[in-house]
PDB file of N, CA and C in Angstrom:
ATOM      1  N   UNK A   1     -41.547  82.060 -77.900  1.00  0.00           N
ATOM      2  CA  UNK A   1     -41.934  81.888 -79.286  1.00  0.00           C
ATOM      3  C   UNK A   1     -40.706  81.997 -80.169  1.00  0.00           C
ATOM      4  N   UNK A   2     -40.761  81.286 -81.243  1.00  0.00           N
ATOM      5  CA  UNK A   2     -39.627  81.197 -82.155  1.00  0.00           C
ATOM      6  C   UNK A   2     -39.822  82.112 -83.361  1.00  0.00           C
ATOM      7  N   UNK A   3     -38.709  82.500 -84.006  1.00  0.00           N
ATOM      8  CA  UNK A   3     -38.818  83.275 -85.248  1.00  0.00           C
ATOM      9  C   UNK A   3     -39.556  82.443 -86.298  1.00  0.00           C
ATOM     10  N   UNK A   4     -40.328  83.006 -87.137  1.00  0.00           N
ATOM     11  CA  UNK A   4     -40.708  84.417 -87.272  1.00  0.00           C
ATOM     12  C   UNK A   4     -41.934  84.794 -86.440  1.00  0.00           C
ATOM     13  N   UNK A   5     -42.433  83.842 -85.659  1.00  0.00           N
ATOM     14  CA  UNK A   5     -43.643  84.103 -84.870  1.00  0.00           C
ATOM     15  C   UNK A   5     -43.391  85.208 -83.847  1.00  0.00           C
ATOM     16  N   UNK A   6     -42.232  85.207 -83.215  1.00  0.00           N
ATOM     17  CA  UNK A   6     -41.961  86.214 -82.188  1.00  0.00           C
ATOM     18  C   UNK A   6     -41.946  87.634 -82.750  1.00  0.00           C
ATOM     19  N   UNK A   7     -41.357  87.811 -83.922  1.00  0.00           N
ATOM     20  CA  UNK A   7     -41.336  89.168 -84.505  1.00  0.00           C
ATOM     21  C   UNK A   7     -42.727  89.586 -84.962  1.00  0.00           C
ATOM     22  N   UNK A   8     -43.514  88.644 -85.464  1.00  0.00           N
ATOM     23  CA  UNK A   8     -44.882  88.972 -85.869  1.00  0.00           C
ATOM     24  C   UNK A   8     -45.723  89.324 -84.644  1.00  0.00           C
ATOM     25  N   UNK A   9     -45.509  88.611 -83.549  1.00  0.00           N
ATOM     26  CA  UNK A   9     -46.220  88.922 -82.312  1.00  0.00           C
ATOM     27  C   UNK A   9     -45.928  90.356 -81.881  1.00  0.00           C
ATOM     28  N   UNK A  10     -44.674  90.760 -81.932  1.00  0.00           N
ATOM     29  CA  UNK A  10     -44.318  92.131 -81.569  1.00  0.00           C
ATOM     30  C   UNK A  10     -45.043  93.140 -82.450  1.00  0.00           C
ATOM     31  N   UNK A  11     -45.049  92.895 -83.753  1.00  0.00           N
ATOM     32  CA  UNK A  11     -45.755  93.796 -84.675  1.00  0.00           C
ATOM     33  C   UNK A  11     -47.224  93.910 -84.298  1.00  0.00           C
ATOM     34  N   UNK A  12     -47.852  92.776 -84.023  1.00  0.00           N
ATOM     35  CA  UNK A  12     -49.279  92.771 -83.694  1.00  0.00           C
ATOM     36  C   UNK A  12     -49.550  93.482 -82.370  1.00  0.00           C
ATOM     37  N   UNK A  13     -48.685  93.301 -81.398  1.00  0.00           N
ATOM     38  CA  UNK A  13     -48.872  93.988 -80.117  1.00  0.00           C
ATOM     39  C   UNK A  13     -48.781  95.502 -80.285  1.00  0.00           C
ATOM     40  N   UNK A  14     -47.826  95.961 -81.087  1.00  0.00           N
ATOM     41  CA  UNK A  14     -47.726  97.399 -81.346  1.00  0.00           C
ATOM     42  C   UNK A  14     -48.951  97.901 -82.111  1.00  0.00           C
ATOM     43  N   UNK A  15     -49.396  97.121 -83.084  1.00  0.00           N
ATOM     44  CA  UNK A  15     -50.570  97.514 -83.882  1.00  0.00           C
ATOM     45  C   UNK A  15     -51.810  97.648 -83.000  1.00  0.00           C
ATOM     46  N   UNK A  16     -52.085  96.633 -82.206  1.00  0.00           N
ATOM     47  CA  UNK A  16     -53.291  96.657 -81.367  1.00  0.00           C
ATOM     48  C   UNK A  16     -53.177  97.718 -80.277  1.00  0.00           C
ATOM     49  N   UNK A  17     -51.987  97.881 -79.714  1.00  0.00           N
ATOM     50  CA  UNK A  17     -51.799  98.904 -78.686  1.00  0.00           C
ATOM     51  C   UNK A  17     -52.114 100.285 -79.222  1.00  0.00           C
ATOM     52  N   UNK A  18     -51.630 100.575 -80.418  1.00  0.00           N
ATOM     53  CA  UNK A  18     -51.911 101.872 -81.025  1.00  0.00           C
ATOM     54  C   UNK A  18     -53.414 102.035 -81.249  1.00  0.00           C
ATOM     55  N   UNK A  19     -54.057 100.982 -81.720  1.00  0.00           N
ATOM     56  CA  UNK A  19     -55.493 101.031 -81.996  1.00  0.00           C
ATOM     57  C   UNK A  19     -56.318 101.346 -80.748  1.00  0.00           C
ATOM     58  N   UNK A  20     -55.907 100.800 -79.598  1.00  0.00           N
ATOM     59  CA  UNK A  20     -56.703 100.992 -78.375  1.00  0.00           C
ATOM     60  C   UNK A  20     -56.132 102.071 -77.456  1.00  0.00           C
ATOM     61  N   UNK A  21     -55.152 102.819 -77.947  1.00  0.00           N
ATOM     62  CA  UNK A  21     -54.656 103.971 -77.210  1.00  0.00           C
ATOM     63  C   UNK A  21     -53.606 103.677 -76.154  1.00  0.00           C
ATOM     64  N   UNK A  22     -52.841 102.621 -76.347  1.00  0.00           N
ATOM     65  CA  UNK A  22     -51.763 102.293 -75.416  1.00  0.00           C
ATOM     66  C   UNK A  22     -50.426 102.660 -76.038  1.00  0.00           C
ATOM     67  N   UNK A  23     -49.449 102.899 -75.185  1.00  0.00           N
ATOM     68  CA  UNK A  23     -48.075 103.089 -75.626  1.00  0.00           C
ATOM     69  C   UNK A  23     -47.249 101.972 -75.010  1.00  0.00           C
ATOM     70  N   UNK A  24     -46.560 101.204 -75.843  1.00  0.00           N
ATOM     71  CA  UNK A  24     -45.673 100.165 -75.333  1.00  0.00           C
ATOM     72  C   UNK A  24     -44.345 100.820 -75.000  1.00  0.00           C
ATOM     73  N   UNK A  25     -43.983 100.741 -73.732  1.00  0.00           N
ATOM     74  CA  UNK A  25     -42.735 101.315 -73.254  1.00  0.00           C
ATOM     75  C   UNK A  25     -41.588 100.312 -73.322  1.00  0.00           C
ATOM     76  N   UNK A  26     -41.907  99.032 -73.101  1.00  0.00           N
ATOM     77  CA  UNK A  26     -40.899  97.974 -73.145  1.00  0.00           C
ATOM     78  C   UNK A  26     -41.608  96.670 -73.479  1.00  0.00           C
ATOM     79  N   UNK A  27     -40.941  95.825 -74.266  1.00  0.00           N
ATOM     80  CA  UNK A  27     -41.542  94.568 -74.693  1.00  0.00           C
ATOM     81  C   UNK A  27     -40.449  93.534 -74.904  1.00  0.00           C
ATOM     82  N   UNK A  28     -40.633  92.364 -74.310  1.00  0.00           N
ATOM     83  CA  UNK A  28     -39.745  91.231 -74.545  1.00  0.00           C
ATOM     84  C   UNK A  28     -40.599  89.988 -74.716  1.00  0.00           C
ATOM     85  N   UNK A  29     -40.381  89.275 -75.804  1.00  0.00           N
ATOM     86  CA  UNK A  29     -41.080  88.022 -76.064  1.00  0.00           C
ATOM     87  C   UNK A  29     -40.161  86.892 -75.623  1.00  0.00           C
ATOM     88  N   UNK A  30     -40.642  86.103 -74.693  1.00  0.00           N
ATOM     89  CA  UNK A  30     -39.903  84.967 -74.168  1.00  0.00           C
ATOM     90  C   UNK A  30     -40.430  83.692 -74.837  1.00  0.00           C
ATOM     91  N   UNK A  31     -39.761  82.569 -74.649  1.00  0.00           N
ATOM     92  CA  UNK A  31     -40.232  81.336 -75.288  1.00  0.00           C
ATOM     93  C   UNK A  31     -41.667  80.948 -74.923  1.00  0.00           C
ATOM     94  N   UNK A  32     -42.078  81.228 -73.678  1.00  0.00           N
ATOM     95  CA  UNK A  32     -43.415  80.796 -73.265  1.00  0.00           C
ATOM     96  C   UNK A  32     -44.257  81.883 -72.604  1.00  0.00           C
ATOM     97  N   UNK A  33     -43.807  83.124 -72.682  1.00  0.00           N
ATOM     98  CA  UNK A  33     -44.598  84.236 -72.140  1.00  0.00           C
ATOM     99  C   UNK A  33     -44.055  85.555 -72.683  1.00  0.00           C
ATOM    100  N   UNK A  34     -44.740  86.633 -72.336  1.00  0.00           N
ATOM    101  CA  UNK A  34     -44.370  87.964 -72.820  1.00  0.00           C
ATOM    102  C   UNK A  34     -44.296  88.916 -71.629  1.00  0.00           C
ATOM    103  N   UNK A  35     -43.284  89.778 -71.626  1.00  0.00           N
ATOM    104  CA  UNK A  35     -43.201  90.882 -70.685  1.00  0.00           C
ATOM    105  C   UNK A  35     -43.525  92.140 -71.479  1.00  0.00           C
ATOM    106  N   UNK A  36     -44.530  92.880 -71.030  1.00  0.00           N
ATOM    107  CA  UNK A  36     -44.910  94.093 -71.745  1.00  0.00           C
ATOM    108  C   UNK A  36     -45.235  95.191 -70.728  1.00  0.00           C
ATOM    109  N   UNK A  37     -44.694  96.362 -70.964  1.00  0.00           N
ATOM    110  CA  UNK A  37     -44.918  97.531 -70.108  1.00  0.00           C
ATOM    111  C   UNK A  37     -45.638  98.547 -70.964  1.00  0.00           C
ATOM    112  N   UNK A  38     -46.876  98.855 -70.593  1.00  0.00           N
ATOM    113  CA  UNK A  38     -47.687  99.780 -71.374  1.00  0.00           C
ATOM    114  C   UNK A  38     -48.174 100.931 -70.504  1.00  0.00           C
ATOM    115  N   UNK A  39     -48.460 102.032 -71.171  1.00  0.00           N
ATOM    116  CA  UNK A  39     -49.151 103.142 -70.527  1.00  0.00           C
ATOM    117  C   UNK A  39     -50.381 103.444 -71.366  1.00  0.00           C
ATOM    118  N   UNK A  40     -51.388 103.958 -70.697  1.00  0.00           N
ATOM    119  CA  UNK A  40     -52.612 104.269 -71.427  1.00  0.00           C
ATOM    120  C   UNK A  40     -53.626 104.928 -70.525  1.00  0.00           C
ATOM    121  N   UNK A  41     -54.846 104.934 -70.986  1.00  0.00           N
ATOM    122  CA  UNK A  41     -55.966 105.537 -70.278  1.00  0.00           C
ATOM    123  C   UNK A  41     -56.160 104.828 -68.932  1.00  0.00           C
ATOM    124  N   UNK A  42     -56.019 105.547 -67.832  1.00  0.00           N
ATOM    125  CA  UNK A  42     -56.147 104.895 -66.521  1.00  0.00           C
ATOM    126  C   UNK A  42     -57.562 104.413 -66.204  1.00  0.00           C
ATOM    127  N   UNK A  43     -58.549 104.801 -67.006  1.00  0.00           N
ATOM    128  CA  UNK A  43     -59.906 104.313 -66.762  1.00  0.00           C
ATOM    129  C   UNK A  43     -60.148 102.947 -67.414  1.00  0.00           C
ATOM    130  N   UNK A  44     -59.213 102.491 -68.219  1.00  0.00           N
ATOM    131  CA  UNK A  44     -59.331 101.162 -68.836  1.00  0.00           C
ATOM    132  C   UNK A  44     -58.826 100.111 -67.855  1.00  0.00           C
ATOM    133  N   UNK A  45     -59.653  99.142 -67.510  1.00  0.00           N
ATOM    134  CA  UNK A  45     -59.202  98.093 -66.589  1.00  0.00           C
ATOM    135  C   UNK A  45     -58.091  97.251 -67.217  1.00  0.00           C
ATOM    136  N   UNK A  46     -57.165  96.813 -66.388  1.00  0.00           N
ATOM    137  CA  UNK A  46     -56.067  95.970 -66.867  1.00  0.00           C
ATOM    138  C   UNK A  46     -56.603  94.712 -67.553  1.00  0.00           C
ATOM    139  N   UNK A  47     -57.666  94.145 -67.023  1.00  0.00           N
ATOM    140  CA  UNK A  47     -58.249  92.934 -67.613  1.00  0.00           C
ATOM    141  C   UNK A  47     -58.687  93.197 -69.055  1.00  0.00           C
ATOM    142  N   UNK A  48     -59.278  94.332 -69.316  1.00  0.00           N
ATOM    143  CA  UNK A  48     -59.712  94.678 -70.669  1.00  0.00           C
ATOM    144  C   UNK A  48     -58.502  94.786 -71.596  1.00  0.00           C
ATOM    145  N   UNK A  49     -57.441  95.450 -71.128  1.00  0.00           N
ATOM    146  CA  UNK A  49     -56.230  95.605 -71.940  1.00  0.00           C
ATOM    147  C   UNK A  49     -55.641  94.242 -72.273  1.00  0.00           C
ATOM    148  N   UNK A  50     -55.479  93.393 -71.273  1.00  0.00           N
ATOM    149  CA  UNK A  50     -54.919  92.059 -71.492  1.00  0.00           C
ATOM    150  C   UNK A  50     -55.786  91.268 -72.468  1.00  0.00           C
ATOM    151  N   UNK A  51     -57.089  91.303 -72.278  1.00  0.00           N
ATOM    152  CA  UNK A  51     -57.991  90.564 -73.179  1.00  0.00           C
ATOM    153  C   UNK A  51     -57.905  91.070 -74.613  1.00  0.00           C
ATOM    154  N   UNK A  52     -57.793  92.377 -74.788  1.00  0.00           N
ATOM    155  CA  UNK A  52     -57.661  92.940 -76.129  1.00  0.00           C
ATOM    156  C   UNK A  52     -56.379  92.441 -76.802  1.00  0.00           C
ATOM    157  N   UNK A  53     -55.268  92.512 -76.089  1.00  0.00           N
ATOM    158  CA  UNK A  53     -53.980  92.110 -76.654  1.00  0.00           C
ATOM    159  C   UNK A  53     -53.918  90.608 -76.911  1.00  0.00           C
ATOM    160  N   UNK A  54     -54.361  89.809 -75.947  1.00  0.00           N
ATOM    161  CA  UNK A  54     -54.321  88.360 -76.110  1.00  0.00           C
ATOM    162  C   UNK A  54     -55.273  87.892 -77.216  1.00  0.00           C
ATOM    163  N   UNK A  55     -56.482  88.411 -77.206  1.00  0.00           N
ATOM    164  CA  UNK A  55     -57.477  87.981 -78.191  1.00  0.00           C
ATOM    165  C   UNK A  55     -57.060  88.291 -79.621  1.00  0.00           C
ATOM    166  N   UNK A  56     -56.604  89.513 -79.836  1.00  0.00           N
ATOM    167  CA  UNK A  56     -56.193  89.935 -81.171  1.00  0.00           C
ATOM    168  C   UNK A  56     -54.996  89.127 -81.655  1.00  0.00           C
ATOM    169  N   UNK A  57     -53.956  89.038 -80.825  1.00  0.00           N
ATOM    170  CA  UNK A  57     -52.745  88.337 -81.264  1.00  0.00           C
ATOM    171  C   UNK A  57     -52.992  86.850 -81.472  1.00  0.00           C
ATOM    172  N   UNK A  58     -53.793  86.249 -80.630  1.00  0.00           N
ATOM    173  CA  UNK A  58     -54.094  84.830 -80.787  1.00  0.00           C
ATOM    174  C   UNK A  58     -54.806  84.563 -82.110  1.00  0.00           C
ATOM    175  N   UNK A  59     -55.796  85.365 -82.403  1.00  0.00           N
ATOM    176  CA  UNK A  59     -56.575  85.189 -83.623  1.00  0.00           C
ATOM    177  C   UNK A  59     -55.696  85.314 -84.869  1.00  0.00           C
ATOM    178  N   UNK A  60     -54.925  86.370 -84.936  1.00  0.00           N
ATOM    179  CA  UNK A  60     -54.099  86.614 -86.126  1.00  0.00           C
ATOM    180  C   UNK A  60     -52.977  85.585 -86.239  1.00  0.00           C
ATOM    181  N   UNK A  61     -52.276  85.315 -85.147  1.00  0.00           N
ATOM    182  CA  UNK A  61     -51.160  84.367 -85.216  1.00  0.00           C
ATOM    183  C   UNK A  61     -51.626  82.969 -85.600  1.00  0.00           C
ATOM    184  N   UNK A  62     -52.753  82.540 -85.098  1.00  0.00           N
ATOM    185  CA  UNK A  62     -53.247  81.190 -85.422  1.00  0.00           C
ATOM    186  C   UNK A  62     -53.725  81.109 -86.875  1.00  0.00           C
ATOM    187  N   UNK A  63     -54.154  82.235 -87.441  1.00  0.00           N
ATOM    188  CA  UNK A  63     -54.492  82.251 -88.872  1.00  0.00           C
ATOM    189  C   UNK A  63     -53.237  82.219 -89.732  1.00  0.00           C
ATOM    190  N   UNK A  64     -52.240  83.005 -89.345  1.00  0.00           N
ATOM    191  CA  UNK A  64     -51.024  83.126 -90.143  1.00  0.00           C
ATOM    192  C   UNK A  64     -50.056  81.956 -89.952  1.00  0.00           C
ATOM    193  N   UNK A  65     -50.115  81.301 -88.810  1.00  0.00           N
ATOM    194  CA  UNK A  65     -49.219  80.183 -88.507  1.00  0.00           C
ATOM    195  C   UNK A  65     -50.069  78.991 -88.067  1.00  0.00           C
ATOM    196  N   UNK A  66     -50.633  78.261 -89.029  1.00  0.00           N
ATOM    197  CA  UNK A  66     -51.550  77.153 -88.700  1.00  0.00           C
ATOM    198  C   UNK A  66     -50.945  76.099 -87.774  1.00  0.00           C
ATOM    199  N   UNK A  67     -49.622  75.982 -87.752  1.00  0.00           N
ATOM    200  CA  UNK A  67     -48.998  75.005 -86.863  1.00  0.00           C
ATOM    201  C   UNK A  67     -49.296  75.309 -85.392  1.00  0.00           C
ATOM    202  N   UNK A  68     -49.634  76.540 -85.072  1.00  0.00           N
ATOM    203  CA  UNK A  68     -49.989  76.886 -83.693  1.00  0.00           C
ATOM    204  C   UNK A  68     -51.308  76.232 -83.282  1.00  0.00           C
ATOM    205  N   UNK A  69     -52.170  75.960 -84.246  1.00  0.00           N
ATOM    206  CA  UNK A  69     -53.451  75.314 -83.948  1.00  0.00           C
ATOM    207  C   UNK A  69     -53.253  73.852 -83.578  1.00  0.00           C
ATOM    208  N   UNK A  70     -52.292  73.205 -84.188  1.00  0.00           N
ATOM    209  CA  UNK A  70     -52.123  71.770 -83.957  1.00  0.00           C
ATOM    210  C   UNK A  70     -51.301  71.476 -82.708  1.00  0.00           C
ATOM    211  N   UNK A  71     -50.433  72.376 -82.314  1.00  0.00           N
ATOM    212  CA  UNK A  71     -49.576  72.128 -81.152  1.00  0.00           C
ATOM    213  C   UNK A  71     -50.212  72.550 -79.845  1.00  0.00           C
ATOM    214  N   UNK A  72     -51.098  73.522 -79.892  1.00  0.00           N
ATOM    215  CA  UNK A  72     -51.637  74.088 -78.662  1.00  0.00           C
ATOM    216  C   UNK A  72     -53.161  74.179 -78.727  1.00  0.00           C
ATOM    217  N   UNK A  73     -53.845  73.831 -77.642  1.00  0.00           N
ATOM    218  CA  UNK A  73     -55.305  74.010 -77.655  1.00  0.00           C
ATOM    219  C   UNK A  73     -55.695  75.486 -77.694  1.00  0.00           C
ATOM    220  N   UNK A  74     -54.910  76.328 -77.026  1.00  0.00           N
ATOM    221  CA  UNK A  74     -55.091  77.782 -77.090  1.00  0.00           C
ATOM    222  C   UNK A  74     -53.706  78.402 -77.140  1.00  0.00           C
ATOM    223  N   UNK A  75     -53.616  79.591 -77.698  1.00  0.00           N
ATOM    224  CA  UNK A  75     -52.313  80.242 -77.770  1.00  0.00           C
ATOM    225  C   UNK A  75     -51.910  80.814 -76.415  1.00  0.00           C
ATOM    226  N   UNK A  76     -52.851  81.449 -75.732  1.00  0.00           N
ATOM    227  CA  UNK A  76     -52.574  82.073 -74.442  1.00  0.00           C
ATOM    228  C   UNK A  76     -53.378  81.381 -73.356  1.00  0.00           C
ATOM    229  N   UNK A  77     -52.806  81.304 -72.173  1.00  0.00           N
ATOM    230  CA  UNK A  77     -53.583  80.833 -71.021  1.00  0.00           C
ATOM    231  C   UNK A  77     -54.431  81.999 -70.526  1.00  0.00           C
ATOM    232  N   UNK A  78     -55.345  81.714 -69.640  1.00  0.00           N
ATOM    233  CA  UNK A  78     -56.182  82.787 -69.097  1.00  0.00           C
ATOM    234  C   UNK A  78     -55.458  83.588 -68.024  1.00  0.00           C
ATOM    235  N   UNK A  79     -54.350  83.088 -67.550  1.00  0.00           N
ATOM    236  CA  UNK A  79     -53.651  83.773 -66.463  1.00  0.00           C
ATOM    237  C   UNK A  79     -52.719  84.860 -66.986  1.00  0.00           C
ATOM    238  N   UNK A  80     -52.449  85.809 -66.111  1.00  0.00           N
ATOM    239  CA  UNK A  80     -51.496  86.873 -66.403  1.00  0.00           C
ATOM    240  C   UNK A  80     -51.144  87.552 -65.091  1.00  0.00           C
ATOM    241  N   UNK A  81     -50.048  88.267 -65.095  1.00  0.00           N
ATOM    242  CA  UNK A  81     -49.648  89.065 -63.944  1.00  0.00           C
ATOM    243  C   UNK A  81     -49.664  90.515 -64.372  1.00  0.00           C
ATOM    244  N   UNK A  82     -50.241  91.348 -63.544  1.00  0.00           N
ATOM    245  CA  UNK A  82     -50.335  92.769 -63.848  1.00  0.00           C
ATOM    246  C   UNK A  82     -49.925  93.547 -62.614  1.00  0.00           C
ATOM    247  N   UNK A  83     -49.139  94.585 -62.836  1.00  0.00           N
ATOM    248  CA  UNK A  83     -48.686  95.435 -61.736  1.00  0.00           C
ATOM    249  C   UNK A  83     -48.698  96.876 -62.212  1.00  0.00           C
ATOM    250  N   UNK A  84     -49.136  97.762 -61.358  1.00  0.00           N
ATOM    251  CA  UNK A  84     -49.036  99.181 -61.673  1.00  0.00           C
ATOM    252  C   UNK A  84     -47.747  99.702 -61.060  1.00  0.00           C
ATOM    253  N   UNK A  85     -47.220 100.759 -61.656  1.00  0.00           N
ATOM    254  CA  UNK A  85     -46.026 101.339 -61.055  1.00  0.00           C
ATOM    255  C   UNK A  85     -46.408 102.615 -60.341  1.00  0.00           C
ATOM    256  N   UNK A  86     -45.732 102.894 -59.315  1.00  0.00           N
ATOM    257  CA  UNK A  86     -45.969 104.067 -58.502  1.00  0.00           C
ATOM    258  C   UNK A  86     -44.903 104.113 -57.432  1.00  0.00           C
ATOM    259  N   UNK A  87     -44.682 102.938 -56.854  1.00  0.00           N
ATOM    260  CA  UNK A  87     -43.658 102.858 -55.816  1.00  0.00           C
ATOM    261  C   UNK A  87     -42.277 102.553 -56.388  1.00  0.00           C
ATOM    262  N   UNK A  88     -42.208 102.228 -57.684  1.00  0.00           N
ATOM    263  CA  UNK A  88     -40.919 102.036 -58.361  1.00  0.00           C
ATOM    264  C   UNK A  88     -40.904 102.892 -59.619  1.00  0.00           C
ATOM    265  N   UNK A  89     -39.735 103.137 -60.142  1.00  0.00           N
ATOM    266  CA  UNK A  89     -39.641 104.024 -61.299  1.00  0.00           C
ATOM    267  C   UNK A  89     -39.896 103.284 -62.605  1.00  0.00           C
ATOM    268  N   UNK A  90     -40.252 104.049 -63.610  1.00  0.00           N
ATOM    269  CA  UNK A  90     -40.443 103.515 -64.953  1.00  0.00           C
ATOM    270  C   UNK A  90     -39.152 102.880 -65.458  1.00  0.00           C
ATOM    271  N   UNK A  91     -38.036 103.496 -65.177  1.00  0.00           N
ATOM    272  CA  UNK A  91     -36.740 102.963 -65.614  1.00  0.00           C
ATOM    273  C   UNK A  91     -36.448 101.602 -64.992  1.00  0.00           C
ATOM    274  N   UNK A  92     -36.841 101.400 -63.745  1.00  0.00           N
ATOM    275  CA  UNK A  92     -36.647 100.106 -63.085  1.00  0.00           C
ATOM    276  C   UNK A  92     -37.449  99.017 -63.785  1.00  0.00           C
ATOM    277  N   UNK A  93     -38.678  99.320 -64.149  1.00  0.00           N
ATOM    278  CA  UNK A  93     -39.521  98.352 -64.847  1.00  0.00           C
ATOM    279  C   UNK A  93     -38.932  98.030 -66.219  1.00  0.00           C
ATOM    280  N   UNK A  94     -38.521  99.053 -66.955  1.00  0.00           N
ATOM    281  CA  UNK A  94     -37.926  98.840 -68.278  1.00  0.00           C
ATOM    282  C   UNK A  94     -36.671  97.968 -68.180  1.00  0.00           C
ATOM    283  N   UNK A  95     -35.827  98.247 -67.203  1.00  0.00           N
ATOM    284  CA  UNK A  95     -34.594  97.472 -67.038  1.00  0.00           C
ATOM    285  C   UNK A  95     -34.904  96.023 -66.692  1.00  0.00           C
ATOM    286  N   UNK A  96     -35.871  95.802 -65.825  1.00  0.00           N
ATOM    287  CA  UNK A  96     -36.265  94.437 -65.463  1.00  0.00           C
ATOM    288  C   UNK A  96     -36.712  93.657 -66.703  1.00  0.00           C
ATOM    289  N   UNK A  97     -37.553  94.264 -67.506  1.00  0.00           N
ATOM    290  CA  UNK A  97     -38.054  93.584 -68.708  1.00  0.00           C
ATOM    291  C   UNK A  97     -36.916  93.327 -69.683  1.00  0.00           C
ATOM    292  N   UNK A  98     -36.083  94.304 -69.887  1.00  0.00           N
ATOM    293  CA  UNK A  98     -34.948  94.142 -70.795  1.00  0.00           C
ATOM    294  C   UNK A  98     -34.021  93.023 -70.316  1.00  0.00           C
ATOM    295  N   UNK A  99     -33.783  92.943 -69.031  1.00  0.00           N
ATOM    296  CA  UNK A  99     -32.882  91.932 -68.468  1.00  0.00           C
ATOM    297  C   UNK A  99     -33.440  90.511 -68.584  1.00  0.00           C
ATOM    298  N   UNK A 100     -34.741  90.374 -68.761  1.00  0.00           N
ATOM    299  CA  UNK A 100     -35.330  89.034 -68.868  1.00  0.00           C
ATOM    300  C   UNK A 100     -34.829  88.286 -70.095  1.00  0.00           C
ATOM    301  N   UNK A 101     -34.552  89.006 -71.144  1.00  0.00           N
ATOM    302  CA  UNK A 101     -34.088  88.375 -72.384  1.00  0.00           C
ATOM    303  C   UNK A 101     -32.706  87.739 -72.194  1.00  0.00           C
ATOM    304  N   UNK A 102     -31.929  88.251 -71.260  1.00  0.00           N
ATOM    305  CA  UNK A 102     -30.580  87.750 -71.034  1.00  0.00           C
ATOM    306  C   UNK A 102     -30.494  86.639 -70.001  1.00  0.00           C
ATOM    307  N   UNK A 103     -31.618  86.236 -69.464  1.00  0.00           N
ATOM    308  CA  UNK A 103     -31.611  85.199 -68.420  1.00  0.00           C
ATOM    309  C   UNK A 103     -31.513  83.828 -69.007  1.00  0.00           C
TER     310      UNK A 103
END
């Protein structure tokens, strides 16, 4: 995503995460996807978290940036990748996400 959409997306992700009880540990917005590392209530399914973040950001961004409606049928695809950490450290995940911006 391009400025100013990318910075607004970050704001919205932090806003919604706080609302639903998540902590964003690392976040990088790429041109066509997002890397986000969150912690939160372990009883919340990952699918619910992803749907909350995607649904909220899509709705607000498409209202605030009408050009997103004309270029794309939907803002987000239904697919996503989710991984829990346990066998690797939190620092490794943060470094991986941070390094994506430099690729």
